[in-house]
Amino acid sequence: GLPALEALSSGLPAVLSDTPGHRYIARSAAEYFQCSNIF
């Protein structure tokens, strides 16, 4: 997810789906939600 990395580099707080790709990019630098779960 290149936009996620670009957001982190811009110092933009992020909420990311909990996927292997996002965990690899952001580690502890994001809030995570259950993928595809609207609630």
PDB file of all heavy atoms in Angstrom:
ATOM      1  N   GLY A   1       0.819  -1.208   0.000  1.00  0.00           N
ATOM      2  CA  GLY A   1       0.000   0.000   0.000  1.00  0.00           C
ATOM      3  C   GLY A   1       0.850   1.252   0.000  1.00  0.00           C
ATOM      4  O   GLY A   1       1.129   1.832   1.060  1.00  0.00           O
ATOM      5  N   LEU A   2       1.286   1.701  -1.175  1.00  0.00           N
ATOM      6  CA  LEU A   2       2.127   2.888  -1.258  1.00  0.00           C
ATOM      7  C   LEU A   2       1.498   4.126  -0.616  1.00  0.00           C
ATOM      8  O   LEU A   2       2.197   4.894   0.055  1.00  0.00           O
ATOM      9  CB  LEU A   2       2.488   3.171  -2.715  1.00  0.00           C
ATOM     10  CG  LEU A   2       3.704   2.429  -3.271  1.00  0.00           C
ATOM     11  CD1 LEU A   2       3.821   2.644  -4.770  1.00  0.00           C
ATOM     12  CD2 LEU A   2       4.980   2.882  -2.574  1.00  0.00           C
ATOM     13  N   PRO A   3       0.188   4.381  -0.783  1.00  0.00           N
ATOM     14  CA  PRO A   3      -0.391   5.554  -0.120  1.00  0.00           C
ATOM     15  C   PRO A   3      -0.217   5.533   1.400  1.00  0.00           C
ATOM     16  O   PRO A   3      -0.036   6.581   2.013  1.00  0.00           O
ATOM     17  CB  PRO A   3      -1.874   5.486  -0.522  1.00  0.00           C
ATOM     18  CG  PRO A   3      -1.860   4.799  -1.845  1.00  0.00           C
ATOM     19  CD  PRO A   3      -0.785   3.760  -1.719  1.00  0.00           C
ATOM     20  N   ALA A   4      -0.257   4.351   2.003  1.00  0.00           N
ATOM     21  CA  ALA A   4      -0.052   4.262   3.449  1.00  0.00           C
ATOM     22  C   ALA A   4       1.356   4.720   3.816  1.00  0.00           C
ATOM     23  O   ALA A   4       1.557   5.467   4.779  1.00  0.00           O
ATOM     24  CB  ALA A   4      -0.290   2.840   3.939  1.00  0.00           C
ATOM     25  N   LEU A   5       2.349   4.288   3.043  1.00  0.00           N
ATOM     26  CA  LEU A   5       3.727   4.703   3.300  1.00  0.00           C
ATOM     27  C   LEU A   5       3.899   6.196   3.063  1.00  0.00           C
ATOM     28  O   LEU A   5       4.573   6.894   3.836  1.00  0.00           O
ATOM     29  CB  LEU A   5       4.680   3.904   2.415  1.00  0.00           C
ATOM     30  CG  LEU A   5       6.172   4.255   2.511  1.00  0.00           C
ATOM     31  CD1 LEU A   5       6.682   4.152   3.934  1.00  0.00           C
ATOM     32  CD2 LEU A   5       6.981   3.349   1.581  1.00  0.00           C
ATOM     33  N   GLU A   6       3.292   6.712   2.019  1.00  0.00           N
ATOM     34  CA  GLU A   6       3.373   8.141   1.726  1.00  0.00           C
ATOM     35  C   GLU A   6       2.743   8.966   2.848  1.00  0.00           C
ATOM     36  O   GLU A   6       3.254  10.027   3.228  1.00  0.00           O
ATOM     37  CB  GLU A   6       2.680   8.426   0.391  1.00  0.00           C
ATOM     38  CG  GLU A   6       3.415   7.816  -0.794  1.00  0.00           C
ATOM     39  CD  GLU A   6       2.578   7.762  -2.058  1.00  0.00           C
ATOM     40  OE1 GLU A   6       1.404   8.179  -2.024  1.00  0.00           O
ATOM     41  OE2 GLU A   6       3.083   7.299  -3.094  1.00  0.00           O
ATOM     42  N   ALA A   7       1.632   8.472   3.394  1.00  0.00           N
ATOM     43  CA  ALA A   7       0.978   9.170   4.508  1.00  0.00           C
ATOM     44  C   ALA A   7       1.884   9.188   5.738  1.00  0.00           C
ATOM     45  O   ALA A   7       2.030  10.228   6.402  1.00  0.00           O
ATOM     46  CB  ALA A   7      -0.350   8.490   4.837  1.00  0.00           C
ATOM     47  N   LEU A   8       2.503   8.063   6.056  1.00  0.00           N
ATOM     48  CA  LEU A   8       3.407   8.010   7.204  1.00  0.00           C
ATOM     49  C   LEU A   8       4.571   8.975   7.025  1.00  0.00           C
ATOM     50  O   LEU A   8       4.961   9.684   7.957  1.00  0.00           O
ATOM     51  CB  LEU A   8       3.947   6.593   7.388  1.00  0.00           C
ATOM     52  CG  LEU A   8       2.958   5.480   7.728  1.00  0.00           C
ATOM     53  CD1 LEU A   8       3.700   4.171   7.923  1.00  0.00           C
ATOM     54  CD2 LEU A   8       2.135   5.817   8.941  1.00  0.00           C
ATOM     55  N   SER A   9       5.135   9.002   5.826  1.00  0.00           N
ATOM     56  CA  SER A   9       6.258   9.880   5.547  1.00  0.00           C
ATOM     57  C   SER A   9       5.877  11.346   5.675  1.00  0.00           C
ATOM     58  O   SER A   9       6.720  12.191   5.978  1.00  0.00           O
ATOM     59  CB  SER A   9       6.786   9.610   4.127  1.00  0.00           C
ATOM     60  OG  SER A   9       7.896  10.420   3.826  1.00  0.00           O
ATOM     61  N   SER A  10       4.584  11.635   5.463  1.00  0.00           N
ATOM     62  CA  SER A  10       4.071  13.005   5.583  1.00  0.00           C
ATOM     63  C   SER A  10       3.671  13.350   7.009  1.00  0.00           C
ATOM     64  O   SER A  10       3.178  14.456   7.265  1.00  0.00           O
ATOM     65  CB  SER A  10       2.870  13.185   4.654  1.00  0.00           C
ATOM     66  OG  SER A  10       3.182  12.839   3.323  1.00  0.00           O
ATOM     67  N   GLY A  11       3.860  12.411   7.932  1.00  0.00           N
ATOM     68  CA  GLY A  11       3.475  12.652   9.319  1.00  0.00           C
ATOM     69  C   GLY A  11       1.978  12.687   9.519  1.00  0.00           C
ATOM     70  O   GLY A  11       1.475  13.315  10.457  1.00  0.00           O
ATOM     71  N   LEU A  12       1.241  12.000   8.659  1.00  0.00           N
ATOM     72  CA  LEU A  12      -0.219  11.998   8.720  1.00  0.00           C
ATOM     73  C   LEU A  12      -0.709  10.805   9.540  1.00  0.00           C
ATOM     74  O   LEU A  12      -0.409   9.660   9.191  1.00  0.00           O
ATOM     75  CB  LEU A  12      -0.789  11.932   7.301  1.00  0.00           C
ATOM     76  CG  LEU A  12      -2.308  11.979   7.141  1.00  0.00           C
ATOM     77  CD1 LEU A  12      -2.890  13.235   7.754  1.00  0.00           C
ATOM     78  CD2 LEU A  12      -2.679  11.883   5.658  1.00  0.00           C
ATOM     79  N   PRO A  13      -1.428  11.022  10.640  1.00  0.00           N
ATOM     80  CA  PRO A  13      -1.962   9.903  11.419  1.00  0.00           C
ATOM     81  C   PRO A  13      -2.810   8.985  10.543  1.00  0.00           C
ATOM     82  O   PRO A  13      -3.582   9.468   9.705  1.00  0.00           O
ATOM     83  CB  PRO A  13      -2.809  10.592  12.492  1.00  0.00           C
ATOM     84  CG  PRO A  13      -2.249  11.968  12.602  1.00  0.00           C
ATOM     85  CD  PRO A  13      -1.795  12.325  11.220  1.00  0.00           C
ATOM     86  N   ALA A  14      -2.671   7.672  10.739  1.00  0.00           N
ATOM     87  CA  ALA A  14      -3.305   6.716   9.840  1.00  0.00           C
ATOM     88  C   ALA A  14      -4.106   5.664  10.585  1.00  0.00           C
ATOM     89  O   ALA A  14      -3.703   5.186  11.647  1.00  0.00           O
ATOM     90  CB  ALA A  14      -2.254   6.044   8.964  1.00  0.00           C
ATOM     91  N   VAL A  15      -5.235   5.291   9.965  1.00  0.00           N
ATOM     92  CA  VAL A  15      -6.030   4.145  10.389  1.00  0.00           C
ATOM     93  C   VAL A  15      -5.994   3.154   9.230  1.00  0.00           C
ATOM     94  O   VAL A  15      -6.474   3.459   8.133  1.00  0.00           O
ATOM     95  CB  VAL A  15      -7.485   4.548  10.708  1.00  0.00           C
ATOM     96  CG1 VAL A  15      -8.309   3.316  11.072  1.00  0.00           C
ATOM     97  CG2 VAL A  15      -7.523   5.563  11.841  1.00  0.00           C
ATOM     98  N   LEU A  16      -5.420   1.969   9.462  1.00  0.00           N
ATOM     99  CA  LEU A  16      -5.183   1.005   8.399  1.00  0.00           C
ATOM    100  C   LEU A  16      -5.884  -0.319   8.667  1.00  0.00           C
ATOM    101  O   LEU A  16      -6.044  -0.718   9.827  1.00  0.00           O
ATOM    102  CB  LEU A  16      -3.676   0.747   8.255  1.00  0.00           C
ATOM    103  CG  LEU A  16      -2.760   1.964   8.070  1.00  0.00           C
ATOM    104  CD1 LEU A  16      -1.299   1.514   8.031  1.00  0.00           C
ATOM    105  CD2 LEU A  16      -3.128   2.736   6.825  1.00  0.00           C
ATOM    106  N   SER A  17      -6.270  -0.988   7.593  1.00  0.00           N
ATOM    107  CA  SER A  17      -6.796  -2.344   7.728  1.00  0.00           C
ATOM    108  C   SER A  17      -5.687  -3.250   8.242  1.00  0.00           C
ATOM    109  O   SER A  17      -4.513  -3.095   7.891  1.00  0.00           O
ATOM    110  CB  SER A  17      -7.327  -2.844   6.382  1.00  0.00           C
ATOM    111  OG  SER A  17      -6.342  -2.684   5.373  1.00  0.00           O
ATOM    112  N   ASP A  18      -6.063  -4.203   9.082  1.00  0.00           N
ATOM    113  CA  ASP A  18      -5.081  -5.078   9.718  1.00  0.00           C
ATOM    114  C   ASP A  18      -4.706  -6.202   8.752  1.00  0.00           C
ATOM    115  O   ASP A  18      -5.267  -7.301   8.777  1.00  0.00           O
ATOM    116  CB  ASP A  18      -5.651  -5.642  11.018  1.00  0.00           C
ATOM    117  CG  ASP A  18      -4.558  -6.221  11.903  1.00  0.00           C
ATOM    118  OD1 ASP A  18      -3.420  -6.341  11.434  1.00  0.00           O
ATOM    119  OD2 ASP A  18      -4.848  -6.544  13.068  1.00  0.00           O
ATOM    120  N   THR A  19      -3.747  -5.907   7.871  1.00  0.00           N
ATOM    121  CA  THR A  19      -3.278  -6.867   6.871  1.00  0.00           C
ATOM    122  C   THR A  19      -1.772  -7.041   7.014  1.00  0.00           C
ATOM    123  O   THR A  19      -1.090  -6.168   7.572  1.00  0.00           O
ATOM    124  CB  THR A  19      -3.590  -6.377   5.451  1.00  0.00           C
ATOM    125  OG1 THR A  19      -2.811  -5.197   5.179  1.00  0.00           O
ATOM    126  CG2 THR A  19      -5.077  -6.053   5.283  1.00  0.00           C
ATOM    127  N   PRO A  20      -1.215  -8.140   6.491  1.00  0.00           N
ATOM    128  CA  PRO A  20       0.243  -8.317   6.558  1.00  0.00           C
ATOM    129  C   PRO A  20       0.997  -7.169   5.896  1.00  0.00           C
ATOM    130  O   PRO A  20       2.043  -6.740   6.399  1.00  0.00           O
ATOM    131  CB  PRO A  20       0.467  -9.635   5.822  1.00  0.00           C
ATOM    132  CG  PRO A  20      -0.819 -10.384   5.979  1.00  0.00           C
ATOM    133  CD  PRO A  20      -1.890  -9.339   5.948  1.00  0.00           C
ATOM    134  N   GLY A  21       0.470  -6.665   4.781  1.00  0.00           N
ATOM    135  CA  GLY A  21       1.130  -5.572   4.091  1.00  0.00           C
ATOM    136  C   GLY A  21       1.207  -4.310   4.929  1.00  0.00           C
ATOM    137  O   GLY A  21       2.255  -3.668   5.028  1.00  0.00           O
ATOM    138  N   HIS A  22       0.082  -3.941   5.551  1.00  0.00           N
ATOM    139  CA  HIS A  22       0.058  -2.726   6.373  1.00  0.00           C
ATOM    140  C   HIS A  22       0.893  -2.884   7.644  1.00  0.00           C
ATOM    141  O   HIS A  22       1.571  -1.947   8.080  1.00  0.00           O
ATOM    142  CB  HIS A  22      -1.383  -2.359   6.727  1.00  0.00           C
ATOM    143  CG  HIS A  22      -2.096  -1.638   5.634  1.00  0.00           C
ATOM    144  ND1 HIS A  22      -3.469  -1.684   5.467  1.00  0.00           N
ATOM    145  CD2 HIS A  22      -1.638  -0.841   4.637  1.00  0.00           C
ATOM    146  CE1 HIS A  22      -3.811  -0.949   4.427  1.00  0.00           C
ATOM    147  NE2 HIS A  22      -2.720  -0.435   3.910  1.00  0.00           N
ATOM    148  N   ARG A  23       0.852  -4.064   8.255  1.00  0.00           N
ATOM    149  CA  ARG A  23       1.668  -4.293   9.449  1.00  0.00           C
ATOM    150  C   ARG A  23       3.154  -4.191   9.115  1.00  0.00           C
ATOM    151  O   ARG A  23       3.948  -3.693   9.921  1.00  0.00           O
ATOM    152  CB  ARG A  23       1.354  -5.668  10.046  1.00  0.00           C
ATOM    153  CG  ARG A  23       0.005  -5.767  10.724  1.00  0.00           C
ATOM    154  CD  ARG A  23       0.023  -5.095  12.089  1.00  0.00           C
ATOM    155  NE  ARG A  23      -1.254  -5.258  12.790  1.00  0.00           N
ATOM    156  CZ  ARG A  23      -1.496  -4.800  14.015  1.00  0.00           C
ATOM    157  NH1 ARG A  23      -0.539  -4.163  14.680  1.00  0.00           N
ATOM    158  NH2 ARG A  23      -2.669  -4.968  14.585  1.00  0.00           N
ATOM    159  N   TYR A  24       3.528  -4.654   7.937  1.00  0.00           N
ATOM    160  CA  TYR A  24       4.925  -4.568   7.497  1.00  0.00           C
ATOM    161  C   TYR A  24       5.334  -3.115   7.288  1.00  0.00           C
ATOM    162  O   TYR A  24       6.439  -2.711   7.669  1.00  0.00           O
ATOM    163  CB  TYR A  24       5.090  -5.361   6.204  1.00  0.00           C
ATOM    164  CG  TYR A  24       6.372  -5.084   5.451  1.00  0.00           C
ATOM    165  CD1 TYR A  24       7.617  -5.373   6.005  1.00  0.00           C
ATOM    166  CD2 TYR A  24       6.336  -4.545   4.170  1.00  0.00           C
ATOM    167  CE1 TYR A  24       8.787  -5.124   5.305  1.00  0.00           C
ATOM    168  CE2 TYR A  24       7.500  -4.293   3.464  1.00  0.00           C
ATOM    169  CZ  TYR A  24       8.717  -4.583   4.033  1.00  0.00           C
ATOM    170  OH  TYR A  24       9.871  -4.330   3.340  1.00  0.00           O
ATOM    171  N   ILE A  25       4.444  -2.306   6.734  1.00  0.00           N
ATOM    172  CA  ILE A  25       4.767  -0.915   6.446  1.00  0.00           C
ATOM    173  C   ILE A  25       4.809  -0.074   7.720  1.00  0.00           C
ATOM    174  O   ILE A  25       5.784   0.638   7.996  1.00  0.00           O
ATOM    175  CB  ILE A  25       3.736  -0.310   5.467  1.00  0.00           C
ATOM    176  CG1 ILE A  25       3.814  -0.996   4.108  1.00  0.00           C
ATOM    177  CG2 ILE A  25       3.946   1.199   5.316  1.00  0.00           C
ATOM    178  CD1 ILE A  25       2.664  -0.658   3.182  1.00  0.00           C
ATOM    179  N   ALA A  26       3.735  -0.137   8.518  1.00  0.00           N
ATOM    180  CA  ALA A  26       3.549   0.822   9.613  1.00  0.00           C
ATOM    181  C   ALA A  26       3.954   0.301  10.982  1.00  0.00           C
ATOM    182  O   ALA A  26       4.217   1.085  11.896  1.00  0.00           O
ATOM    183  CB  ALA A  26       2.089   1.277   9.646  1.00  0.00           C
ATOM    184  N   ARG A  27       3.938  -1.011  11.159  1.00  0.00           N
ATOM    185  CA  ARG A  27       4.203  -1.602  12.475  1.00  0.00           C
ATOM    186  C   ARG A  27       3.342  -0.907  13.546  1.00  0.00           C
ATOM    187  O   ARG A  27       2.117  -0.965  13.460  1.00  0.00           O
ATOM    188  CB  ARG A  27       5.701  -1.563  12.777  1.00  0.00           C
ATOM    189  CG  ARG A  27       6.516  -2.359  11.753  1.00  0.00           C
ATOM    190  CD  ARG A  27       7.891  -2.745  12.195  1.00  0.00           C
ATOM    191  NE  ARG A  27       8.788  -1.603  12.289  1.00  0.00           N
ATOM    192  CZ  ARG A  27      10.118  -1.715  12.329  1.00  0.00           C
ATOM    193  NH1 ARG A  27      10.691  -2.909  12.281  1.00  0.00           N
ATOM    194  NH2 ARG A  27      10.884  -0.643  12.430  1.00  0.00           N
ATOM    195  N   SER A  28       3.932  -0.214  14.509  1.00  0.00           N
ATOM    196  CA  SER A  28       3.142   0.394  15.588  1.00  0.00           C
ATOM    197  C   SER A  28       2.756   1.846  15.295  1.00  0.00           C
ATOM    198  O   SER A  28       2.239   2.541  16.162  1.00  0.00           O
ATOM    199  CB  SER A  28       3.914   0.339  16.906  1.00  0.00           C
ATOM    200  OG  SER A  28       5.123   1.087  16.811  1.00  0.00           O
ATOM    201  N   ALA A  29       2.985   2.301  14.059  1.00  0.00           N
ATOM    202  CA  ALA A  29       2.755   3.708  13.732  1.00  0.00           C
ATOM    203  C   ALA A  29       1.372   3.969  13.148  1.00  0.00           C
ATOM    204  O   ALA A  29       1.179   4.936  12.422  1.00  0.00           O
ATOM    205  CB  ALA A  29       3.822   4.195  12.756  1.00  0.00           C
ATOM    206  N   ALA A  30       0.398   3.126  13.448  1.00  0.00           N
ATOM    207  CA  ALA A  30      -0.957   3.315  12.929  1.00  0.00           C
ATOM    208  C   ALA A  30      -1.952   2.652  13.868  1.00  0.00           C
ATOM    209  O   ALA A  30      -1.601   1.771  14.664  1.00  0.00           O
ATOM    210  CB  ALA A  30      -1.087   2.722  11.525  1.00  0.00           C
ATOM    211  N   GLU A  31      -3.203   3.075  13.764  1.00  0.00           N
ATOM    212  CA  GLU A  31      -4.314   2.356  14.370  1.00  0.00           C
ATOM    213  C   GLU A  31      -4.816   1.346  13.347  1.00  0.00           C
ATOM    214  O   GLU A  31      -4.819   1.622  12.134  1.00  0.00           O
ATOM    215  CB  GLU A  31      -5.440   3.318  14.754  1.00  0.00           C
ATOM    216  CG  GLU A  31      -5.109   4.253  15.898  1.00  0.00           C
ATOM    217  CD  GLU A  31      -5.075   3.532  17.245  1.00  0.00           C
ATOM    218  OE1 GLU A  31      -5.661   2.441  17.344  1.00  0.00           O
ATOM    219  OE2 GLU A  31      -4.449   4.052  18.180  1.00  0.00           O
ATOM    220  N   TYR A  32      -5.246   0.180  13.813  1.00  0.00           N
ATOM    221  CA  TYR A  32      -5.681  -0.871  12.892  1.00  0.00           C
ATOM    222  C   TYR A  32      -7.135  -1.256  13.151  1.00  0.00           C
ATOM    223  O   TYR A  32      -7.612  -1.227  14.288  1.00  0.00           O
ATOM    224  CB  TYR A  32      -4.794  -2.111  13.037  1.00  0.00           C
ATOM    225  CG  TYR A  32      -3.372  -1.882  12.587  1.00  0.00           C
ATOM    226  CD1 TYR A  32      -2.384  -1.509  13.501  1.00  0.00           C
ATOM    227  CD2 TYR A  32      -3.017  -2.018  11.248  1.00  0.00           C
ATOM    228  CE1 TYR A  32      -1.078  -1.285  13.083  1.00  0.00           C
ATOM    229  CE2 TYR A  32      -1.714  -1.800  10.831  1.00  0.00           C
ATOM    230  CZ  TYR A  32      -0.751  -1.435  11.750  1.00  0.00           C
ATOM    231  OH  TYR A  32       0.536  -1.208  11.345  1.00  0.00           O
ATOM    232  N   PHE A  33      -7.825  -1.616  12.058  1.00  0.00           N
ATOM    233  CA  PHE A  33      -9.196  -2.108  12.168  1.00  0.00           C
ATOM    234  C   PHE A  33      -9.312  -3.430  11.425  1.00  0.00           C
ATOM    235  O   PHE A  33      -8.489  -3.749  10.565  1.00  0.00           O
ATOM    236  CB  PHE A  33     -10.193  -1.085  11.612  1.00  0.00           C
ATOM    237  CG  PHE A  33     -10.100  -0.881  10.114  1.00  0.00           C
ATOM    238  CD1 PHE A  33     -10.899  -1.614   9.239  1.00  0.00           C
ATOM    239  CD2 PHE A  33      -9.209   0.044   9.573  1.00  0.00           C
ATOM    240  CE1 PHE A  33     -10.816  -1.425   7.875  1.00  0.00           C
ATOM    241  CE2 PHE A  33      -9.125   0.246   8.215  1.00  0.00           C
ATOM    242  CZ  PHE A  33      -9.928  -0.491   7.352  1.00  0.00           C
ATOM    243  N   GLN A  34     -10.324  -4.179  11.766  1.00  0.00           N
ATOM    244  CA  GLN A  34     -10.551  -5.477  11.130  1.00  0.00           C
ATOM    245  C   GLN A  34     -10.904  -5.258   9.662  1.00  0.00           C
ATOM    246  O   GLN A  34     -11.856  -4.556   9.342  1.00  0.00           O
ATOM    247  CB  GLN A  34     -11.676  -6.227  11.833  1.00  0.00           C
ATOM    248  CG  GLN A  34     -11.903  -7.636  11.300  1.00  0.00           C
ATOM    249  CD  GLN A  34     -13.008  -8.346  12.057  1.00  0.00           C
ATOM    250  OE1 GLN A  34     -13.445  -7.894  13.099  1.00  0.00           O
ATOM    251  NE2 GLN A  34     -13.475  -9.462  11.516  1.00  0.00           N
ATOM    252  N   CYS A  35     -10.122  -5.848   8.781  1.00  0.00           N
ATOM    253  CA  CYS A  35     -10.284  -5.629   7.350  1.00  0.00           C
ATOM    254  C   CYS A  35     -11.707  -5.939   6.886  1.00  0.00           C
ATOM    255  O   CYS A  35     -12.303  -6.947   7.286  1.00  0.00           O
ATOM    256  CB  CYS A  35      -9.287  -6.500   6.581  1.00  0.00           C
ATOM    257  SG  CYS A  35      -9.263  -6.184   4.816  1.00  0.00           S
ATOM    258  N   SER A  36     -12.275  -5.046   6.071  1.00  0.00           N
ATOM    259  CA  SER A  36     -13.607  -5.165   5.475  1.00  0.00           C
ATOM    260  C   SER A  36     -14.744  -4.985   6.476  1.00  0.00           C
ATOM    261  O   SER A  36     -15.906  -5.092   6.108  1.00  0.00           O
ATOM    262  CB  SER A  36     -13.785  -6.526   4.764  1.00  0.00           C
ATOM    263  OG  SER A  36     -12.819  -6.695   3.750  1.00  0.00           O
ATOM    264  N   ASN A  37     -14.414  -4.703   7.744  1.00  0.00           N
ATOM    265  CA  ASN A  37     -15.432  -4.548   8.782  1.00  0.00           C
ATOM    266  C   ASN A  37     -15.767  -3.064   8.935  1.00  0.00           C
ATOM    267  O   ASN A  37     -14.980  -2.289   9.484  1.00  0.00           O
ATOM    268  CB  ASN A  37     -14.922  -5.132  10.101  1.00  0.00           C
ATOM    269  CG  ASN A  37     -16.000  -5.194  11.160  1.00  0.00           C
ATOM    270  OD1 ASN A  37     -16.768  -4.249  11.348  1.00  0.00           O
ATOM    271  ND2 ASN A  37     -16.064  -6.315  11.869  1.00  0.00           N
ATOM    272  N   ILE A  38     -16.927  -2.677   8.459  1.00  0.00           N
ATOM    273  CA  ILE A  38     -17.359  -1.278   8.475  1.00  0.00           C
ATOM    274  C   ILE A  38     -17.446  -0.746   9.902  1.00  0.00           C
ATOM    275  O   ILE A  38     -17.041   0.384  10.192  1.00  0.00           O
ATOM    276  CB  ILE A  38     -18.710  -1.138   7.759  1.00  0.00           C
ATOM    277  CG1 ILE A  38     -18.571  -1.522   6.290  1.00  0.00           C
ATOM    278  CG2 ILE A  38     -19.251   0.283   7.884  1.00  0.00           C
ATOM    279  CD1 ILE A  38     -19.906  -1.701   5.583  1.00  0.00           C
ATOM    280  N   PHE A  39     -17.965  -1.574  10.804  1.00  0.00           N
ATOM    281  CA  PHE A  39     -18.154  -1.137  12.188  1.00  0.00           C
ATOM    282  C   PHE A  39     -16.818  -0.940  12.895  1.00  0.00           C
ATOM    283  O   PHE A  39     -16.625   0.018  13.655  1.00  0.00           O
ATOM    284  CB  PHE A  39     -19.024  -2.141  12.942  1.00  0.00           C
ATOM    285  CG  PHE A  39     -20.347  -2.390  12.270  1.00  0.00           C
ATOM    286  CD1 PHE A  39     -20.559  -3.548  11.530  1.00  0.00           C
ATOM    287  CD2 PHE A  39     -21.368  -1.461  12.349  1.00  0.00           C
ATOM    288  CE1 PHE A  39     -21.767  -3.767  10.901  1.00  0.00           C
ATOM    289  CE2 PHE A  39     -22.587  -1.673  11.729  1.00  0.00           C
ATOM    290  CZ  PHE A  39     -22.790  -2.835  10.997  1.00  0.00           C
TER     291      PHE A  39
END
